Amino acid sequence: MIKKPVTIKHQNGLDVRPIALLVQEASQYSSRIYIEVNNRKINAKSIMGMMSLNLGEGEEVTVAAEGEDELDAVDGVEKFLSNQK
């Protein structure tokens, strides 16, 4: 399992559209991917779970992944959250 802290850099935080794109990004990988924040661990492939986090710009989360492509998964999700994709 790999974990990496990431700061959200989307100007308006993660509302419906960015969350849908994040779920699309996470779903490309076979690894299990989670977003951890405030003692909560949410499946990054779950649109409803991700919407429940109500994440804003500047918030720090931890991206965790476990599986065959965990390095690529963490990298891809980190780039998305950092607004580099």
PDB file of N, CA and C in Angstrom:
ATOM      1  N   MET A   1       0.851  -1.187   0.000  1.00  0.00           N
ATOM      2  CA  MET A   1       0.000   0.000   0.000  1.00  0.00           C
ATOM      3  C   MET A   1       0.891   1.242   0.000  1.00  0.00           C
ATOM      4  N   ILE A   2       0.499   2.200  -0.797  1.00  0.00           N
ATOM      5  CA  ILE A   2       1.211   3.475  -0.884  1.00  0.00           C
ATOM      6  C   ILE A   2       0.266   4.579  -0.429  1.00  0.00           C
ATOM      7  N   LYS A   3       0.794   5.519   0.348  1.00  0.00           N
ATOM      8  CA  LYS A   3       0.014   6.682   0.777  1.00  0.00           C
ATOM      9  C   LYS A   3       0.808   7.930   0.461  1.00  0.00           C
ATOM     10  N   LYS A   4       0.089   8.972   0.040  1.00  0.00           N
ATOM     11  CA  LYS A   4       0.761  10.233  -0.294  1.00  0.00           C
ATOM     12  C   LYS A   4      -0.155  11.405   0.051  1.00  0.00           C
ATOM     13  N   PRO A   5       0.362  12.393   0.795  1.00  0.00           N
ATOM     14  CA  PRO A   5      -0.437  13.588   1.080  1.00  0.00           C
ATOM     15  C   PRO A   5      -0.527  14.475  -0.164  1.00  0.00           C
ATOM     16  N   VAL A   6      -1.709  15.029  -0.386  1.00  0.00           N
ATOM     17  CA  VAL A   6      -1.948  15.869  -1.561  1.00  0.00           C
ATOM     18  C   VAL A   6      -2.808  17.056  -1.138  1.00  0.00           C
ATOM     19  N   THR A   7      -2.485  18.236  -1.670  1.00  0.00           N
ATOM     20  CA  THR A   7      -3.299  19.430  -1.429  1.00  0.00           C
ATOM     21  C   THR A   7      -4.178  19.669  -2.652  1.00  0.00           C
ATOM     22  N   ILE A   8      -5.461  19.861  -2.418  1.00  0.00           N
ATOM     23  CA  ILE A   8      -6.411  20.091  -3.511  1.00  0.00           C
ATOM     24  C   ILE A   8      -6.199  21.483  -4.079  1.00  0.00           C
ATOM     25  N   LYS A   9      -6.032  21.550  -5.397  1.00  0.00           N
ATOM     26  CA  LYS A   9      -5.742  22.832  -6.039  1.00  0.00           C
ATOM     27  C   LYS A   9      -6.787  23.228  -7.073  1.00  0.00           C
ATOM     28  N   HIS A  10      -7.984  22.655  -6.990  1.00  0.00           N
ATOM     29  CA  HIS A  10      -9.068  23.065  -7.888  1.00  0.00           C
ATOM     30  C   HIS A  10      -9.686  24.331  -7.310  1.00  0.00           C
ATOM     31  N   GLN A  11      -9.813  25.357  -8.138  1.00  0.00           N
ATOM     32  CA  GLN A  11     -10.219  26.685  -7.672  1.00  0.00           C
ATOM     33  C   GLN A  11     -11.496  26.676  -6.852  1.00  0.00           C
ATOM     34  N   ASN A  12     -12.487  25.915  -7.257  1.00  0.00           N
ATOM     35  CA  ASN A  12     -13.753  25.890  -6.526  1.00  0.00           C
ATOM     36  C   ASN A  12     -13.906  24.624  -5.694  1.00  0.00           C
ATOM     37  N   GLY A  13     -12.791  23.972  -5.392  1.00  0.00           N
ATOM     38  CA  GLY A  13     -12.859  22.732  -4.632  1.00  0.00           C
ATOM     39  C   GLY A  13     -13.381  21.614  -5.515  1.00  0.00           C
ATOM     40  N   LEU A  14     -13.845  20.568  -4.877  1.00  0.00           N
ATOM     41  CA  LEU A  14     -14.365  19.438  -5.637  1.00  0.00           C
ATOM     42  C   LEU A  14     -15.888  19.433  -5.567  1.00  0.00           C
ATOM     43  N   ASP A  15     -16.497  20.013  -6.598  1.00  0.00           N
ATOM     44  CA  ASP A  15     -17.950  19.936  -6.693  1.00  0.00           C
ATOM     45  C   ASP A  15     -18.289  18.790  -7.642  1.00  0.00           C
ATOM     46  N   VAL A  16     -19.493  18.738  -8.155  1.00  0.00           N
ATOM     47  CA  VAL A  16     -19.983  17.579  -8.900  1.00  0.00           C
ATOM     48  C   VAL A  16     -19.114  17.230 -10.111  1.00  0.00           C
ATOM     49  N   ARG A  17     -18.810  18.196 -10.954  1.00  0.00           N
ATOM     50  CA  ARG A  17     -18.045  17.873 -12.171  1.00  0.00           C
ATOM     51  C   ARG A  17     -16.640  17.364 -11.869  1.00  0.00           C
ATOM     52  N   PRO A  18     -15.839  18.071 -11.035  1.00  0.00           N
ATOM     53  CA  PRO A  18     -14.511  17.538 -10.726  1.00  0.00           C
ATOM     54  C   PRO A  18     -14.563  16.167 -10.032  1.00  0.00           C
ATOM     55  N   ILE A  19     -15.575  15.941  -9.210  1.00  0.00           N
ATOM     56  CA  ILE A  19     -15.686  14.634  -8.557  1.00  0.00           C
ATOM     57  C   ILE A  19     -15.943  13.549  -9.594  1.00  0.00           C
ATOM     58  N   ALA A  20     -16.815  13.825 -10.547  1.00  0.00           N
ATOM     59  CA  ALA A  20     -17.084  12.840 -11.603  1.00  0.00           C
ATOM     60  C   ALA A  20     -15.800  12.530 -12.381  1.00  0.00           C
ATOM     61  N   LEU A  21     -15.013  13.550 -12.661  1.00  0.00           N
ATOM     62  CA  LEU A  21     -13.748  13.346 -13.375  1.00  0.00           C
ATOM     63  C   LEU A  21     -12.734  12.600 -12.514  1.00  0.00           C
ATOM     64  N   LEU A  22     -12.732  12.862 -11.208  1.00  0.00           N
ATOM     65  CA  LEU A  22     -11.848  12.141 -10.300  1.00  0.00           C
ATOM     66  C   LEU A  22     -12.217  10.658 -10.259  1.00  0.00           C
ATOM     67  N   VAL A  23     -13.494  10.369 -10.177  1.00  0.00           N
ATOM     68  CA  VAL A  23     -13.949   8.974 -10.163  1.00  0.00           C
ATOM     69  C   VAL A  23     -13.559   8.288 -11.472  1.00  0.00           C
ATOM     70  N   GLN A  24     -13.685   8.994 -12.596  1.00  0.00           N
ATOM     71  CA  GLN A  24     -13.241   8.450 -13.889  1.00  0.00           C
ATOM     72  C   GLN A  24     -11.756   8.142 -13.861  1.00  0.00           C
ATOM     73  N   GLU A  25     -10.969   9.067 -13.336  1.00  0.00           N
ATOM     74  CA  GLU A  25      -9.515   8.872 -13.235  1.00  0.00           C
ATOM     75  C   GLU A  25      -9.208   7.646 -12.386  1.00  0.00           C
ATOM     76  N   ALA A  26      -9.803   7.559 -11.212  1.00  0.00           N
ATOM     77  CA  ALA A  26      -9.540   6.449 -10.293  1.00  0.00           C
ATOM     78  C   ALA A  26      -9.981   5.116 -10.881  1.00  0.00           C
ATOM     79  N   SER A  27     -11.058   5.123 -11.646  1.00  0.00           N
ATOM     80  CA  SER A  27     -11.605   3.885 -12.208  1.00  0.00           C
ATOM     81  C   SER A  27     -10.735   3.294 -13.309  1.00  0.00           C
ATOM     82  N   GLN A  28      -9.759   4.043 -13.793  1.00  0.00           N
ATOM     83  CA  GLN A  28      -8.852   3.532 -14.826  1.00  0.00           C
ATOM     84  C   GLN A  28      -7.864   2.513 -14.259  1.00  0.00           C
ATOM     85  N   TYR A  29      -7.724   2.459 -12.944  1.00  0.00           N
ATOM     86  CA  TYR A  29      -6.725   1.618 -12.309  1.00  0.00           C
ATOM     87  C   TYR A  29      -7.383   0.419 -11.631  1.00  0.00           C
ATOM     88  N   SER A  30      -6.659  -0.695 -11.623  1.00  0.00           N
ATOM     89  CA  SER A  30      -7.202  -1.898 -10.981  1.00  0.00           C
ATOM     90  C   SER A  30      -7.017  -1.859  -9.464  1.00  0.00           C
ATOM     91  N   SER A  31      -6.115  -1.035  -8.981  1.00  0.00           N
ATOM     92  CA  SER A  31      -5.862  -0.932  -7.536  1.00  0.00           C
ATOM     93  C   SER A  31      -7.066  -0.370  -6.796  1.00  0.00           C
ATOM     94  N   ARG A  32      -7.135  -0.705  -5.516  1.00  0.00           N
ATOM     95  CA  ARG A  32      -8.118  -0.064  -4.644  1.00  0.00           C
ATOM     96  C   ARG A  32      -7.539   1.299  -4.275  1.00  0.00           C
ATOM     97  N   ILE A  33      -8.315   2.352  -4.447  1.00  0.00           N
ATOM     98  CA  ILE A  33      -7.838   3.716  -4.200  1.00  0.00           C
ATOM     99  C   ILE A  33      -8.770   4.389  -3.207  1.00  0.00           C
ATOM    100  N   TYR A  34      -8.174   5.020  -2.211  1.00  0.00           N
ATOM    101  CA  TYR A  34      -8.953   5.700  -1.179  1.00  0.00           C
ATOM    102  C   TYR A  34      -8.454   7.123  -0.984  1.00  0.00           C
ATOM    103  N   ILE A  35      -9.377   7.986  -0.620  1.00  0.00           N
ATOM    104  CA  ILE A  35      -9.058   9.344  -0.196  1.00  0.00           C
ATOM    105  C   ILE A  35      -9.315   9.378   1.308  1.00  0.00           C
ATOM    106  N   GLU A  36      -8.292   9.750   2.070  1.00  0.00           N
ATOM    107  CA  GLU A  36      -8.410   9.803   3.522  1.00  0.00           C
ATOM    108  C   GLU A  36      -8.347  11.254   3.983  1.00  0.00           C
ATOM    109  N   VAL A  37      -9.324  11.649   4.798  1.00  0.00           N
ATOM    110  CA  VAL A  37      -9.371  13.003   5.342  1.00  0.00           C
ATOM    111  C   VAL A  37     -10.235  12.987   6.607  1.00  0.00           C
ATOM    112  N   ASN A  38      -9.775  13.691   7.627  1.00  0.00           N
ATOM    113  CA  ASN A  38     -10.526  13.799   8.890  1.00  0.00           C
ATOM    114  C   ASN A  38     -10.989  12.450   9.416  1.00  0.00           C
ATOM    115  N   ASN A  39     -10.085  11.492   9.496  1.00  0.00           N
ATOM    116  CA  ASN A  39     -10.382  10.143  10.007  1.00  0.00           C
ATOM    117  C   ASN A  39     -11.438   9.403   9.187  1.00  0.00           C
ATOM    118  N   ARG A  40     -11.636   9.809   7.939  1.00  0.00           N
ATOM    119  CA  ARG A  40     -12.559   9.118   7.037  1.00  0.00           C
ATOM    120  C   ARG A  40     -11.751   8.539   5.885  1.00  0.00           C
ATOM    121  N   LYS A  41     -12.147   7.373   5.417  1.00  0.00           N
ATOM    122  CA  LYS A  41     -11.478   6.695   4.311  1.00  0.00           C
ATOM    123  C   LYS A  41     -12.555   6.353   3.285  1.00  0.00           C
ATOM    124  N   ILE A  42     -12.512   7.052   2.145  1.00  0.00           N
ATOM    125  CA  ILE A  42     -13.559   6.920   1.128  1.00  0.00           C
ATOM    126  C   ILE A  42     -12.981   6.322  -0.148  1.00  0.00           C
ATOM    127  N   ASN A  43     -13.706   5.393  -0.729  1.00  0.00           N
ATOM    128  CA  ASN A  43     -13.325   4.783  -2.000  1.00  0.00           C
ATOM    129  C   ASN A  43     -13.366   5.860  -3.089  1.00  0.00           C
ATOM    130  N   ALA A  44     -12.229   6.109  -3.738  1.00  0.00           N
ATOM    131  CA  ALA A  44     -12.147   7.156  -4.765  1.00  0.00           C
ATOM    132  C   ALA A  44     -12.928   6.797  -6.022  1.00  0.00           C
ATOM    133  N   LYS A  45     -13.399   5.556  -6.132  1.00  0.00           N
ATOM    134  CA  LYS A  45     -14.179   5.134  -7.301  1.00  0.00           C
ATOM    135  C   LYS A  45     -15.681   5.265  -7.046  1.00  0.00           C
ATOM    136  N   SER A  46     -16.042   5.777  -5.866  1.00  0.00           N
ATOM    137  CA  SER A  46     -17.450   5.938  -5.488  1.00  0.00           C
ATOM    138  C   SER A  46     -17.841   7.411  -5.568  1.00  0.00           C
ATOM    139  N   ILE A  47     -18.682   7.756  -6.545  1.00  0.00           N
ATOM    140  CA  ILE A  47     -19.077   9.158  -6.713  1.00  0.00           C
ATOM    141  C   ILE A  47     -19.842   9.667  -5.491  1.00  0.00           C
ATOM    142  N   MET A  48     -20.715   8.857  -4.933  1.00  0.00           N
ATOM    143  CA  MET A  48     -21.481   9.296  -3.759  1.00  0.00           C
ATOM    144  C   MET A  48     -20.577   9.455  -2.543  1.00  0.00           C
ATOM    145  N   GLY A  49     -19.643   8.539  -2.381  1.00  0.00           N
ATOM    146  CA  GLY A  49     -18.700   8.644  -1.271  1.00  0.00           C
ATOM    147  C   GLY A  49     -17.857   9.892  -1.376  1.00  0.00           C
ATOM    148  N   MET A  50     -17.359  10.164  -2.569  1.00  0.00           N
ATOM    149  CA  MET A  50     -16.522  11.346  -2.769  1.00  0.00           C
ATOM    150  C   MET A  50     -17.314  12.629  -2.562  1.00  0.00           C
ATOM    151  N   MET A  51     -18.556  12.662  -2.992  1.00  0.00           N
ATOM    152  CA  MET A  51     -19.384  13.857  -2.804  1.00  0.00           C
ATOM    153  C   MET A  51     -19.622  14.127  -1.318  1.00  0.00           C
ATOM    154  N   SER A  52     -19.643  13.069  -0.511  1.00  0.00           N
ATOM    155  CA  SER A  52     -19.896  13.236   0.920  1.00  0.00           C
ATOM    156  C   SER A  52     -18.746  13.950   1.635  1.00  0.00           C
ATOM    157  N   LEU A  53     -17.571  14.005   1.014  1.00  0.00           N
ATOM    158  CA  LEU A  53     -16.421  14.653   1.659  1.00  0.00           C
ATOM    159  C   LEU A  53     -16.471  16.175   1.603  1.00  0.00           C
ATOM    160  N   ASN A  54     -17.124  16.737   0.570  1.00  0.00           N
ATOM    161  CA  ASN A  54     -17.258  18.188   0.452  1.00  0.00           C
ATOM    162  C   ASN A  54     -15.896  18.893   0.584  1.00  0.00           C
ATOM    163  N   LEU A  55     -14.957  18.519  -0.290  1.00  0.00           N
ATOM    164  CA  LEU A  55     -13.592  19.030  -0.216  1.00  0.00           C
ATOM    165  C   LEU A  55     -13.433  20.359  -0.932  1.00  0.00           C
ATOM    166  N   GLY A  56     -12.708  21.279  -0.302  1.00  0.00           N
ATOM    167  CA  GLY A  56     -12.479  22.595  -0.873  1.00  0.00           C
ATOM    168  C   GLY A  56     -11.029  22.808  -1.261  1.00  0.00           C
ATOM    169  N   GLU A  57     -10.791  23.865  -2.006  1.00  0.00           N
ATOM    170  CA  GLU A  57      -9.436  24.209  -2.423  1.00  0.00           C
ATOM    171  C   GLU A  57      -8.560  24.442  -1.198  1.00  0.00           C
ATOM    172  N   GLY A  58      -7.338  23.926  -1.260  1.00  0.00           N
ATOM    173  CA  GLY A  58      -6.381  24.111  -0.181  1.00  0.00           C
ATOM    174  C   GLY A  58      -6.416  23.037   0.892  1.00  0.00           C
ATOM    175  N   GLU A  59      -7.443  22.203   0.887  1.00  0.00           N
ATOM    176  CA  GLU A  59      -7.517  21.129   1.874  1.00  0.00           C
ATOM    177  C   GLU A  59      -6.494  20.056   1.550  1.00  0.00           C
ATOM    178  N   GLU A  60      -5.948  19.451   2.592  1.00  0.00           N
ATOM    179  CA  GLU A  60      -4.984  18.375   2.394  1.00  0.00           C
ATOM    180  C   GLU A  60      -5.654  17.034   2.673  1.00  0.00           C
ATOM    181  N   VAL A  61      -5.453  16.103   1.756  1.00  0.00           N
ATOM    182  CA  VAL A  61      -5.981  14.752   1.886  1.00  0.00           C
ATOM    183  C   VAL A  61      -4.819  13.776   1.704  1.00  0.00           C
ATOM    184  N   THR A  62      -5.065  12.528   2.007  1.00  0.00           N
ATOM    185  CA  THR A  62      -4.091  11.478   1.745  1.00  0.00           C
ATOM    186  C   THR A  62      -4.677  10.544   0.702  1.00  0.00           C
ATOM    187  N   VAL A  63      -3.913  10.309  -0.355  1.00  0.00           N
ATOM    188  CA  VAL A  63      -4.317   9.360  -1.394  1.00  0.00           C
ATOM    189  C   VAL A  63      -3.629   8.040  -1.064  1.00  0.00           C
ATOM    190  N   ALA A  64      -4.415   6.986  -0.950  1.00  0.00           N
ATOM    191  CA  ALA A  64      -3.877   5.661  -0.653  1.00  0.00           C
ATOM    192  C   ALA A  64      -4.307   4.696  -1.744  1.00  0.00           C
ATOM    193  N   ALA A  65      -3.386   3.820  -2.145  1.00  0.00           N
ATOM    194  CA  ALA A  65      -3.713   2.833  -3.171  1.00  0.00           C
ATOM    195  C   ALA A  65      -3.019   1.522  -2.842  1.00  0.00           C
ATOM    196  N   GLU A  66      -3.700   0.438  -3.199  1.00  0.00           N
ATOM    197  CA  GLU A  66      -3.143  -0.888  -2.982  1.00  0.00           C
ATOM    198  C   GLU A  66      -3.533  -1.771  -4.156  1.00  0.00           C
ATOM    199  N   GLY A  67      -2.529  -2.355  -4.788  1.00  0.00           N
ATOM    200  CA  GLY A  67      -2.786  -3.250  -5.915  1.00  0.00           C
ATOM    201  C   GLY A  67      -1.647  -3.228  -6.917  1.00  0.00           C
ATOM    202  N   GLU A  68      -1.874  -3.880  -8.039  1.00  0.00           N
ATOM    203  CA  GLU A  68      -0.846  -4.034  -9.078  1.00  0.00           C
ATOM    204  C   GLU A  68      -0.297  -2.705  -9.593  1.00  0.00           C
ATOM    205  N   ASP A  69      -1.173  -1.756  -9.806  1.00  0.00           N
ATOM    206  CA  ASP A  69      -0.754  -0.477 -10.397  1.00  0.00           C
ATOM    207  C   ASP A  69      -0.851   0.678  -9.396  1.00  0.00           C
ATOM    208  N   GLU A  70      -0.556   0.389  -8.135  1.00  0.00           N
ATOM    209  CA  GLU A  70      -0.733   1.395  -7.081  1.00  0.00           C
ATOM    210  C   GLU A  70       0.124   2.648  -7.296  1.00  0.00           C
ATOM    211  N   LEU A  71       1.328   2.491  -7.815  1.00  0.00           N
ATOM    212  CA  LEU A  71       2.175   3.673  -8.069  1.00  0.00           C
ATOM    213  C   LEU A  71       1.537   4.591  -9.099  1.00  0.00           C
ATOM    214  N   ASP A  72       1.080   4.004 -10.211  1.00  0.00           N
ATOM    215  CA  ASP A  72       0.421   4.795 -11.252  1.00  0.00           C
ATOM    216  C   ASP A  72      -0.878   5.401 -10.740  1.00  0.00           C
ATOM    217  N   ALA A  73      -1.610   4.640  -9.929  1.00  0.00           N
ATOM    218  CA  ALA A  73      -2.889   5.118  -9.398  1.00  0.00           C
ATOM    219  C   ALA A  73      -2.697   6.339  -8.510  1.00  0.00           C
ATOM    220  N   VAL A  74      -1.744   6.269  -7.582  1.00  0.00           N
ATOM    221  CA  VAL A  74      -1.490   7.404  -6.694  1.00  0.00           C
ATOM    222  C   VAL A  74      -1.017   8.604  -7.508  1.00  0.00           C
ATOM    223  N   ASP A  75      -0.146   8.356  -8.480  1.00  0.00           N
ATOM    224  CA  ASP A  75       0.365   9.436  -9.326  1.00  0.00           C
ATOM    225  C   ASP A  75      -0.763  10.111 -10.113  1.00  0.00           C
ATOM    226  N   GLY A  76      -1.639   9.316 -10.720  1.00  0.00           N
ATOM    227  CA  GLY A  76      -2.738   9.868 -11.510  1.00  0.00           C
ATOM    228  C   GLY A  76      -3.725  10.662 -10.678  1.00  0.00           C
ATOM    229  N   VAL A  77      -4.092  10.134  -9.520  1.00  0.00           N
ATOM    230  CA  VAL A  77      -5.039  10.831  -8.644  1.00  0.00           C
ATOM    231  C   VAL A  77      -4.390  12.087  -8.066  1.00  0.00           C
ATOM    232  N   GLU A  78      -3.101  12.004  -7.721  1.00  0.00           N
ATOM    233  CA  GLU A  78      -2.398  13.186  -7.215  1.00  0.00           C
ATOM    234  C   GLU A  78      -2.379  14.289  -8.274  1.00  0.00           C
ATOM    235  N   LYS A  79      -2.062  13.945  -9.501  1.00  0.00           N
ATOM    236  CA  LYS A  79      -2.039  14.950 -10.573  1.00  0.00           C
ATOM    237  C   LYS A  79      -3.409  15.576 -10.760  1.00  0.00           C
ATOM    238  N   PHE A  80      -4.455  14.769 -10.684  1.00  0.00           N
ATOM    239  CA  PHE A  80      -5.805  15.316 -10.831  1.00  0.00           C
ATOM    240  C   PHE A  80      -6.123  16.287  -9.695  1.00  0.00           C
ATOM    241  N   LEU A  81      -5.898  15.871  -8.463  1.00  0.00           N
ATOM    242  CA  LEU A  81      -6.221  16.719  -7.311  1.00  0.00           C
ATOM    243  C   LEU A  81      -5.363  17.982  -7.283  1.00  0.00           C
ATOM    244  N   SER A  82      -4.146  17.891  -7.795  1.00  0.00           N
ATOM    245  CA  SER A  82      -3.250  19.042  -7.840  1.00  0.00           C
ATOM    246  C   SER A  82      -3.517  19.924  -9.062  1.00  0.00           C
ATOM    247  N   ASN A  83      -4.543  19.570  -9.816  1.00  0.00           N
ATOM    248  CA  ASN A  83      -4.977  20.316 -11.001  1.00  0.00           C
ATOM    249  C   ASN A  83      -3.893  20.358 -12.072  1.00  0.00           C
ATOM    250  N   GLN A  84      -3.193  19.239 -12.229  1.00  0.00           N
ATOM    251  CA  GLN A  84      -2.157  19.129 -13.251  1.00  0.00           C
ATOM    252  C   GLN A  84      -2.618  18.298 -14.433  1.00  0.00           C
ATOM    253  N   LYS A  85      -3.870  17.856 -14.430  1.00  0.00           N
ATOM    254  CA  LYS A  85      -4.417  17.053 -15.527  1.00  0.00           C
ATOM    255  C   LYS A  85      -5.543  17.785 -16.175  1.00  0.00           C
TER     256      LYS A  85
END
